[in-house]
Amino acid sequence: MLLQVLLDKLLVSSQIYYFYNPCIKKYTLIYSICTGQYAKSLGLYVVGSAGSDDKVKYLLDDLKFDAAFNYKTEADLTAALKRTCPKGIDIYFENVGGPMLDAVLINANNFARIAVCGMISQYNQMNSSKTDPIYRLDTLIWKRIRAEGFIVSDDSKTYSKPALAAFTKLLQEGKMLYRESVTDGIENTPKAFVDMLQGKNFGKAVVKVGDVE
């Protein structure tokens, strides 16, 4: 399982080396669990959002994020980000889309950077007319925000070696923590996938297909 976690995050973090440089300690980041820990190791101010109070507690108590909030119980995401990111947002790891992206754009600083890796809030709506609109794309212009999409295979050969070295060191030092939601049986893969999209997993969603002999 550890190898799987390492390789999975290695691919994403290879892009961080490309997209997030330079990383300056004053920067404020909105990040996911593993990449947030990497950002903390660089001395950045890291904010996380999660879908339950237990997950928020994990971000704050175990992973030592600087701030975190439950996006499902916040009445106003823009206000939540303003509260947790008092100096604005410099870097955002976009994996959600919808109202969260709008709230980030409103709170973003000039020359902020957004790495667009996913739009999980929209996946079930892609074939309908119910996708959430993004209202504040104007901020890309007057704030000179850079937003760029990527998939994990982009430039992985270029950045995989430094990312592998950095993440391996953090794991060996016990500074990279991770949790897994394990579903037993390949026949339960569809349920595990749906649960992941609905945020029912706590950590990396993994399907166990059998024991190693």
C-alpha atoms as a PDB file:
ATOM      1  CA  MET A   1       0.000   0.000   0.000  1.00  0.00           C
ATOM      2  CA  LEU A   2       2.842   2.383   0.872  1.00  0.00           C
ATOM      3  CA  LEU A   3       4.378   1.963  -2.586  1.00  0.00           C
ATOM      4  CA  GLN A   4       1.025   2.671  -4.208  1.00  0.00           C
ATOM      5  CA  VAL A   5       0.592   5.857  -2.199  1.00  0.00           C
ATOM      6  CA  LEU A   6       4.121   6.961  -2.999  1.00  0.00           C
ATOM      7  CA  LEU A   7       3.810   6.356  -6.731  1.00  0.00           C
ATOM      8  CA  ASP A   8       0.391   7.986  -6.934  1.00  0.00           C
ATOM      9  CA  LYS A   9       1.537  11.142  -5.190  1.00  0.00           C
ATOM     10  CA  LEU A  10       4.819  11.099  -7.079  1.00  0.00           C
ATOM     11  CA  LEU A  11       2.999  11.590 -10.365  1.00  0.00           C
ATOM     12  CA  VAL A  12       1.027  14.551  -9.053  1.00  0.00           C
ATOM     13  CA  SER A  13       3.986  16.039  -7.223  1.00  0.00           C
ATOM     14  CA  SER A  14       6.090  15.852 -10.352  1.00  0.00           C
ATOM     15  CA  GLN A  15       3.751  18.538 -11.641  1.00  0.00           C
ATOM     16  CA  ILE A  16       4.236  20.585  -8.478  1.00  0.00           C
ATOM     17  CA  TYR A  17       7.924  20.898  -9.268  1.00  0.00           C
ATOM     18  CA  TYR A  18       6.964  22.324 -12.641  1.00  0.00           C
ATOM     19  CA  PHE A  19       3.921  24.407 -11.801  1.00  0.00           C
ATOM     20  CA  TYR A  20       4.537  25.712  -8.273  1.00  0.00           C
ATOM     21  CA  ASN A  21       8.086  27.010  -8.542  1.00  0.00           C
ATOM     22  CA  PRO A  22       9.073  29.286  -7.103  1.00  0.00           C
ATOM     23  CA  CYS A  23       7.542  28.417  -3.713  1.00  0.00           C
ATOM     24  CA  ILE A  24       8.092  31.265  -1.272  1.00  0.00           C
ATOM     25  CA  LYS A  25       7.442  30.807   2.440  1.00  0.00           C
ATOM     26  CA  LYS A  26       4.971  33.679   2.593  1.00  0.00           C
ATOM     27  CA  TYR A  27       2.690  31.937   0.107  1.00  0.00           C
ATOM     28  CA  THR A  28      -0.719  30.659   1.120  1.00  0.00           C
ATOM     29  CA  LEU A  29      -1.834  27.371  -0.419  1.00  0.00           C
ATOM     30  CA  ILE A  30      -5.118  25.499  -0.597  1.00  0.00           C
ATOM     31  CA  TYR A  31      -4.016  21.904  -0.878  1.00  0.00           C
ATOM     32  CA  SER A  32      -4.925  18.234  -0.731  1.00  0.00           C
ATOM     33  CA  ILE A  33      -3.609  15.931   2.023  1.00  0.00           C
ATOM     34  CA  CYS A  34      -0.315  14.586   0.664  1.00  0.00           C
ATOM     35  CA  THR A  35       0.612  17.613  -1.415  1.00  0.00           C
ATOM     36  CA  GLY A  36      -0.300  19.809   1.552  1.00  0.00           C
ATOM     37  CA  GLN A  37       2.210  17.969   3.709  1.00  0.00           C
ATOM     38  CA  TYR A  38       4.831  18.512   1.043  1.00  0.00           C
ATOM     39  CA  ALA A  39       3.992  22.219   1.041  1.00  0.00           C
ATOM     40  CA  LYS A  40       4.320  22.330   4.827  1.00  0.00           C
ATOM     41  CA  SER A  41       7.800  20.838   4.508  1.00  0.00           C
ATOM     42  CA  LEU A  42       8.690  23.848   2.346  1.00  0.00           C
ATOM     43  CA  GLY A  43       7.488  26.231   5.059  1.00  0.00           C
ATOM     44  CA  LEU A  44       4.338  27.450   3.352  1.00  0.00           C
ATOM     45  CA  TYR A  45       1.041  28.401   5.007  1.00  0.00           C
ATOM     46  CA  VAL A  46      -1.341  25.565   4.121  1.00  0.00           C
ATOM     47  CA  VAL A  47      -5.134  25.526   4.283  1.00  0.00           C
ATOM     48  CA  GLY A  48      -7.294  22.488   3.640  1.00  0.00           C
ATOM     49  CA  SER A  49     -10.996  21.876   3.123  1.00  0.00           C
ATOM     50  CA  ALA A  50     -12.746  18.611   3.891  1.00  0.00           C
ATOM     51  CA  GLY A  51     -16.241  17.149   3.890  1.00  0.00           C
ATOM     52  CA  SER A  52     -16.554  16.199   7.574  1.00  0.00           C
ATOM     53  CA  ASP A  53     -15.516  17.513  10.966  1.00  0.00           C
ATOM     54  CA  ASP A  54     -13.430  14.362  11.569  1.00  0.00           C
ATOM     55  CA  LYS A  55     -11.433  15.058   8.420  1.00  0.00           C
ATOM     56  CA  VAL A  56     -10.933  18.693   9.399  1.00  0.00           C
ATOM     57  CA  LYS A  57      -9.655  17.569  12.809  1.00  0.00           C
ATOM     58  CA  TYR A  58      -7.239  15.189  11.076  1.00  0.00           C
ATOM     59  CA  LEU A  59      -5.878  18.003   8.905  1.00  0.00           C
ATOM     60  CA  LEU A  60      -5.301  20.233  11.906  1.00  0.00           C
ATOM     61  CA  ASP A  61      -4.216  17.801  14.618  1.00  0.00           C
ATOM     62  CA  ASP A  62      -2.343  15.119  12.688  1.00  0.00           C
ATOM     63  CA  LEU A  63      -1.112  16.847   9.543  1.00  0.00           C
ATOM     64  CA  LYS A  64      -0.575  20.229  11.226  1.00  0.00           C
ATOM     65  CA  PHE A  65      -2.227  22.302   8.523  1.00  0.00           C
ATOM     66  CA  ASP A  66      -2.381  25.972   9.463  1.00  0.00           C
ATOM     67  CA  ALA A  67      -6.156  26.126   8.965  1.00  0.00           C
ATOM     68  CA  ALA A  68      -8.975  23.962   7.673  1.00  0.00           C
ATOM     69  CA  PHE A  69     -12.754  24.027   7.338  1.00  0.00           C
ATOM     70  CA  ASN A  70     -15.702  21.767   6.529  1.00  0.00           C
ATOM     71  CA  TYR A  71     -16.987  22.924   3.157  1.00  0.00           C
ATOM     72  CA  LYS A  72     -20.290  21.079   3.670  1.00  0.00           C
ATOM     73  CA  THR A  73     -21.236  23.094   6.738  1.00  0.00           C
ATOM     74  CA  GLU A  74     -19.976  26.502   5.622  1.00  0.00           C
ATOM     75  CA  ALA A  75     -22.826  28.757   4.509  1.00  0.00           C
ATOM     76  CA  ASP A  76     -20.450  30.993   2.535  1.00  0.00           C
ATOM     77  CA  LEU A  77     -17.303  29.500   0.988  1.00  0.00           C
ATOM     78  CA  THR A  78     -15.951  32.942   0.074  1.00  0.00           C
ATOM     79  CA  ALA A  79     -16.180  34.002   3.722  1.00  0.00           C
ATOM     80  CA  ALA A  80     -14.648  30.707   4.863  1.00  0.00           C
ATOM     81  CA  LEU A  81     -11.611  31.242   2.641  1.00  0.00           C
ATOM     82  CA  LYS A  82     -11.287  34.866   3.693  1.00  0.00           C
ATOM     83  CA  ARG A  83     -11.288  33.712   7.330  1.00  0.00           C
ATOM     84  CA  THR A  84      -8.761  30.914   6.879  1.00  0.00           C
ATOM     85  CA  CYS A  85      -6.594  32.730   4.307  1.00  0.00           C
ATOM     86  CA  PRO A  86      -6.367  36.260   5.771  1.00  0.00           C
ATOM     87  CA  LYS A  87      -3.487  37.167   3.441  1.00  0.00           C
ATOM     88  CA  GLY A  88      -5.196  35.820   0.340  1.00  0.00           C
ATOM     89  CA  ILE A  89      -4.437  32.761  -1.769  1.00  0.00           C
ATOM     90  CA  ASP A  90      -1.259  32.407  -3.819  1.00  0.00           C
ATOM     91  CA  ILE A  91      -1.521  28.798  -5.001  1.00  0.00           C
ATOM     92  CA  TYR A  92      -4.552  26.533  -5.345  1.00  0.00           C
ATOM     93  CA  PHE A  93      -4.556  22.836  -6.177  1.00  0.00           C
ATOM     94  CA  GLU A  94      -7.892  22.616  -8.019  1.00  0.00           C
ATOM     95  CA  ASN A  95      -9.614  19.282  -7.732  1.00  0.00           C
ATOM     96  CA  VAL A  96     -13.182  20.392  -6.941  1.00  0.00           C
ATOM     97  CA  GLY A  97     -14.621  23.018  -9.287  1.00  0.00           C
ATOM     98  CA  GLY A  98     -18.001  24.707  -8.886  1.00  0.00           C
ATOM     99  CA  PRO A  99     -18.615  27.227  -6.088  1.00  0.00           C
ATOM    100  CA  MET A 100     -15.254  26.440  -4.433  1.00  0.00           C
ATOM    101  CA  LEU A 101     -13.361  27.609  -7.504  1.00  0.00           C
ATOM    102  CA  ASP A 102     -15.366  30.831  -7.587  1.00  0.00           C
ATOM    103  CA  ALA A 103     -14.598  31.431  -3.911  1.00  0.00           C
ATOM    104  CA  VAL A 104     -10.893  30.847  -4.540  1.00  0.00           C
ATOM    105  CA  LEU A 105     -10.846  33.288  -7.463  1.00  0.00           C
ATOM    106  CA  ILE A 106     -12.421  35.981  -5.295  1.00  0.00           C
ATOM    107  CA  ASN A 107      -9.816  35.436  -2.546  1.00  0.00           C
ATOM    108  CA  ALA A 108      -6.836  34.953  -4.855  1.00  0.00           C
ATOM    109  CA  ASN A 109      -3.928  37.370  -4.768  1.00  0.00           C
ATOM    110  CA  ASN A 110      -2.456  39.038  -7.813  1.00  0.00           C
ATOM    111  CA  PHE A 111      -0.391  36.566  -9.858  1.00  0.00           C
ATOM    112  CA  ALA A 112      -1.885  33.570  -8.046  1.00  0.00           C
ATOM    113  CA  ARG A 113      -1.438  30.141  -9.648  1.00  0.00           C
ATOM    114  CA  ILE A 114      -4.059  27.437 -10.020  1.00  0.00           C
ATOM    115  CA  ALA A 115      -3.125  23.881 -10.984  1.00  0.00           C
ATOM    116  CA  VAL A 116      -6.296  22.317 -12.412  1.00  0.00           C
ATOM    117  CA  CYS A 117      -6.153  18.595 -11.716  1.00  0.00           C
ATOM    118  CA  GLY A 118      -9.857  17.742 -11.390  1.00  0.00           C
ATOM    119  CA  MET A 119     -13.462  18.942 -11.122  1.00  0.00           C
ATOM    120  CA  ILE A 120     -14.975  16.270  -8.905  1.00  0.00           C
ATOM    121  CA  SER A 121     -18.064  18.304  -8.008  1.00  0.00           C
ATOM    122  CA  GLN A 122     -19.039  18.386 -11.675  1.00  0.00           C
ATOM    123  CA  TYR A 123     -18.406  14.846 -12.877  1.00  0.00           C
ATOM    124  CA  ASN A 124     -21.973  13.642 -12.334  1.00  0.00           C
ATOM    125  CA  GLN A 125     -23.320  16.664 -14.194  1.00  0.00           C
ATOM    126  CA  MET A 126     -21.137  16.665 -17.295  1.00  0.00           C
ATOM    127  CA  ASN A 127     -23.886  15.307 -19.561  1.00  0.00           C
ATOM    128  CA  SER A 128     -26.602  17.611 -18.287  1.00  0.00           C
ATOM    129  CA  SER A 129     -27.364  21.313 -18.237  1.00  0.00           C
ATOM    130  CA  LYS A 130     -26.916  21.445 -14.459  1.00  0.00           C
ATOM    131  CA  THR A 131     -23.165  22.046 -14.259  1.00  0.00           C
ATOM    132  CA  ASP A 132     -22.288  24.862 -11.869  1.00  0.00           C
ATOM    133  CA  PRO A 133     -21.260  28.053 -13.672  1.00  0.00           C
ATOM    134  CA  ILE A 134     -18.044  29.857 -12.794  1.00  0.00           C
ATOM    135  CA  TYR A 135     -18.935  33.511 -12.349  1.00  0.00           C
ATOM    136  CA  ARG A 136     -15.622  35.174 -11.540  1.00  0.00           C
ATOM    137  CA  LEU A 137     -13.397  34.290 -14.468  1.00  0.00           C
ATOM    138  CA  ASP A 138     -12.844  38.035 -14.847  1.00  0.00           C
ATOM    139  CA  THR A 139     -10.373  37.785 -11.969  1.00  0.00           C
ATOM    140  CA  LEU A 140      -8.023  35.835 -14.245  1.00  0.00           C
ATOM    141  CA  ILE A 141      -7.513  39.080 -16.146  1.00  0.00           C
ATOM    142  CA  TRP A 142      -7.203  41.829 -13.606  1.00  0.00           C
ATOM    143  CA  LYS A 143      -5.460  39.682 -10.993  1.00  0.00           C
ATOM    144  CA  ARG A 144      -3.217  38.147 -13.717  1.00  0.00           C
ATOM    145  CA  ILE A 145      -3.960  34.667 -12.362  1.00  0.00           C
ATOM    146  CA  ARG A 146      -2.330  31.727 -14.098  1.00  0.00           C
ATOM    147  CA  ALA A 147      -4.550  28.631 -14.330  1.00  0.00           C
ATOM    148  CA  GLU A 148      -3.299  25.527 -16.108  1.00  0.00           C
ATOM    149  CA  GLY A 149      -4.725  22.045 -16.462  1.00  0.00           C
ATOM    150  CA  PHE A 150      -2.576  18.946 -16.273  1.00  0.00           C
ATOM    151  CA  ILE A 151      -2.773  15.188 -16.199  1.00  0.00           C
ATOM    152  CA  VAL A 152      -0.359  13.075 -14.201  1.00  0.00           C
ATOM    153  CA  SER A 153       1.635  11.868 -17.203  1.00  0.00           C
ATOM    154  CA  ASP A 154       2.642  15.376 -18.314  1.00  0.00           C
ATOM    155  CA  ASP A 155       6.417  15.844 -18.078  1.00  0.00           C
ATOM    156  CA  SER A 156       6.634  13.064 -15.491  1.00  0.00           C
ATOM    157  CA  LYS A 157      10.054  11.987 -16.780  1.00  0.00           C
ATOM    158  CA  THR A 158      11.442  15.460 -16.198  1.00  0.00           C
ATOM    159  CA  TYR A 159      10.180  15.975 -12.673  1.00  0.00           C
ATOM    160  CA  SER A 160       9.761  12.455 -11.295  1.00  0.00           C
ATOM    161  CA  LYS A 161      13.316  12.104  -9.948  1.00  0.00           C
ATOM    162  CA  PRO A 162      13.314  15.202  -7.710  1.00  0.00           C
ATOM    163  CA  ALA A 163       9.742  14.458  -6.604  1.00  0.00           C
ATOM    164  CA  LEU A 164      10.635  10.846  -5.776  1.00  0.00           C
ATOM    165  CA  ALA A 165      13.648  11.981  -3.741  1.00  0.00           C
ATOM    166  CA  ALA A 166      11.624  14.564  -1.806  1.00  0.00           C
ATOM    167  CA  PHE A 167       8.680  12.294  -1.026  1.00  0.00           C
ATOM    168  CA  THR A 168      10.841   9.305  -0.119  1.00  0.00           C
ATOM    169  CA  LYS A 169      12.753  11.443   2.374  1.00  0.00           C
ATOM    170  CA  LEU A 170       9.542  12.727   3.966  1.00  0.00           C
ATOM    171  CA  LEU A 171       8.109   9.210   4.256  1.00  0.00           C
ATOM    172  CA  GLN A 172      11.312   7.855   5.796  1.00  0.00           C
ATOM    173  CA  GLU A 173      11.360  10.689   8.328  1.00  0.00           C
ATOM    174  CA  GLY A 174       7.715  10.107   9.264  1.00  0.00           C
ATOM    175  CA  LYS A 175       6.738  13.536   7.987  1.00  0.00           C
ATOM    176  CA  MET A 176       4.381  12.241   5.286  1.00  0.00           C
ATOM    177  CA  LEU A 177       1.310  10.642   6.857  1.00  0.00           C
ATOM    178  CA  TYR A 178      -1.473   8.936   4.956  1.00  0.00           C
ATOM    179  CA  ARG A 179      -4.721   7.108   5.547  1.00  0.00           C
ATOM    180  CA  GLU A 180      -6.584   4.609   3.403  1.00  0.00           C
ATOM    181  CA  SER A 181     -10.190   3.538   2.952  1.00  0.00           C
ATOM    182  CA  VAL A 182      -9.908  -0.107   1.927  1.00  0.00           C
ATOM    183  CA  THR A 183     -12.774  -1.909   0.193  1.00  0.00           C
ATOM    184  CA  ASP A 184     -12.514  -5.702   0.073  1.00  0.00           C
ATOM    185  CA  GLY A 185     -13.219  -7.493  -3.197  1.00  0.00           C
ATOM    186  CA  ILE A 186     -12.927  -6.421  -6.808  1.00  0.00           C
ATOM    187  CA  GLU A 187     -16.680  -6.939  -7.150  1.00  0.00           C
ATOM    188  CA  ASN A 188     -17.161  -3.939  -4.850  1.00  0.00           C
ATOM    189  CA  THR A 189     -15.114  -1.600  -7.061  1.00  0.00           C
ATOM    190  CA  PRO A 190     -18.165   0.334  -8.372  1.00  0.00           C
ATOM    191  CA  LYS A 191     -19.351   1.057  -4.829  1.00  0.00           C
ATOM    192  CA  ALA A 192     -15.860   2.117  -3.767  1.00  0.00           C
ATOM    193  CA  PHE A 193     -15.675   4.477  -6.743  1.00  0.00           C
ATOM    194  CA  VAL A 194     -19.076   6.051  -6.018  1.00  0.00           C
ATOM    195  CA  ASP A 195     -18.220   6.409  -2.325  1.00  0.00           C
ATOM    196  CA  MET A 196     -15.016   8.200  -3.292  1.00  0.00           C
ATOM    197  CA  LEU A 197     -16.901  10.642  -5.535  1.00  0.00           C
ATOM    198  CA  GLN A 198     -19.329  11.316  -2.684  1.00  0.00           C
ATOM    199  CA  GLY A 199     -16.519  11.936  -0.202  1.00  0.00           C
ATOM    200  CA  LYS A 200     -17.286   8.929   1.985  1.00  0.00           C
ATOM    201  CA  ASN A 201     -13.679   7.718   1.946  1.00  0.00           C
ATOM    202  CA  PHE A 202     -11.207   8.874   4.601  1.00  0.00           C
ATOM    203  CA  GLY A 203      -7.867   9.008   2.813  1.00  0.00           C
ATOM    204  CA  LYS A 204      -6.854   7.174  -0.327  1.00  0.00           C
ATOM    205  CA  ALA A 205      -9.606   4.912  -1.691  1.00  0.00           C
ATOM    206  CA  VAL A 206      -8.160   1.452  -2.322  1.00  0.00           C
ATOM    207  CA  VAL A 207      -9.778  -1.780  -3.513  1.00  0.00           C
ATOM    208  CA  LYS A 208      -8.209  -4.959  -2.100  1.00  0.00           C
ATOM    209  CA  VAL A 209      -8.401  -7.737  -4.684  1.00  0.00           C
ATOM    210  CA  GLY A 210      -6.553 -10.402  -2.660  1.00  0.00           C
ATOM    211  CA  ASP A 211      -3.645 -11.244  -0.416  1.00  0.00           C
ATOM    212  CA  VAL A 212      -0.087 -11.598  -1.650  1.00  0.00           C
ATOM    213  CA  GLU A 213       1.089 -15.186  -1.332  1.00  0.00           C
END
